[in-house]
Protein backbone atom coordinates (compact mmCIF):
# COMPACT_ATOMS: atom_id res chain seq x y z
CA MET A 1 47.26 20.07 1.17
CA SER A 2 44.41 19.35 -1.27
CA ASP A 3 40.74 19.59 -0.34
CA SER A 4 40.31 15.82 -0.80
CA ALA A 5 43.09 15.15 1.71
CA ARG A 6 41.34 17.37 4.26
CA ASP A 7 37.82 16.10 3.51
CA PRO A 8 37.89 12.45 2.42
CA VAL A 9 34.12 12.08 2.85
CA GLY A 10 33.48 15.10 0.66
CA ALA A 11 35.92 13.76 -1.93
CA ALA A 12 34.14 10.39 -1.91
CA ALA A 13 30.79 12.11 -2.34
CA ALA A 14 32.15 14.13 -5.27
CA ARG A 15 33.54 10.98 -6.94
CA LEU A 16 30.23 9.19 -6.44
CA GLU A 17 28.30 12.11 -7.91
CA ALA A 18 30.61 12.16 -10.94
CA ALA A 19 30.13 8.41 -11.41
CA VAL A 20 26.35 8.79 -11.25
CA GLU A 21 26.49 11.56 -13.86
CA ARG A 22 28.63 9.39 -16.18
CA LEU A 23 26.26 6.43 -15.77
CA ALA A 24 23.22 8.61 -16.42
CA GLY A 25 24.85 9.92 -19.57
CA ILE A 26 25.70 6.44 -20.79
CA LEU A 27 22.24 5.07 -20.10
CA THR A 28 20.38 7.97 -21.73
CA ARG A 29 22.33 8.42 -24.96
CA PRO A 30 20.71 7.06 -28.12
CA ARG A 31 22.11 3.81 -29.46
CA GLY A 32 21.21 0.89 -31.68
CA ASP A 33 20.11 -2.54 -30.50
CA ALA A 34 23.70 -3.82 -30.67
CA ASP A 35 24.80 -1.13 -28.21
CA MET A 36 22.13 -1.83 -25.59
CA VAL A 37 23.33 -2.61 -22.09
CA PRO A 38 21.76 -5.90 -20.96
CA ARG A 39 19.16 -5.50 -18.22
CA ALA A 40 21.13 -7.81 -15.93
CA GLU A 41 24.15 -5.49 -16.20
CA VAL A 42 22.02 -2.45 -15.45
CA ALA A 43 20.51 -4.23 -12.43
CA ALA A 44 23.98 -5.21 -11.19
CA MET A 45 25.21 -1.61 -11.58
CA ALA A 46 22.15 -0.36 -9.70
CA GLU A 47 22.82 -2.79 -6.82
CA ARG A 48 26.48 -1.75 -6.61
CA LEU A 49 25.50 1.92 -6.69
CA ASP A 50 22.89 1.40 -3.96
CA ALA A 51 25.49 -0.37 -1.79
CA THR A 52 28.01 2.42 -2.37
CA ILE A 53 25.44 5.07 -1.49
CA ALA A 54 24.54 3.18 1.70
CA ARG A 55 28.23 3.03 2.70
CA LEU A 56 28.63 6.74 1.98
CA ARG A 57 25.55 7.55 4.08
CA GLY A 58 27.02 5.51 6.94
CA ALA A 59 30.34 7.31 6.64
CA LEU A 60 28.60 10.69 6.57
CA ALA A 61 26.51 9.80 9.61
CA GLU A 62 29.65 8.75 11.46
CA GLU A 63 31.51 11.89 10.37
CA LEU A 64 28.66 14.17 11.44
CA ARG A 65 27.93 12.42 14.74
CA PRO A 66 28.79 14.75 17.64
CA GLU A 67 31.72 13.64 19.72
CA PRO A 68 31.03 12.88 23.38
CA PRO A 69 32.12 15.64 25.76
CA GLY A 70 35.63 15.34 27.10
CA GLU A 71 37.05 13.27 24.25
CA PRO A 72 39.77 14.79 22.07
CA ASN A 73 39.12 15.40 18.37
């Protein structure tokens, strides 16, 4: 069984981190005016990324929340 199958939250965090690294690389590389990403696209990507991070935080909080005594895992 792969690590991602055992730890879906960790796998999601790793995929998100990789996506952030790719975006950072794209946005910081030198380019000409014709290659510029429109500000509206950057803002839309930022909103989507913020929403994804919020969902991941919620999933992590749920995953790390202690289970009530007496309930099975």
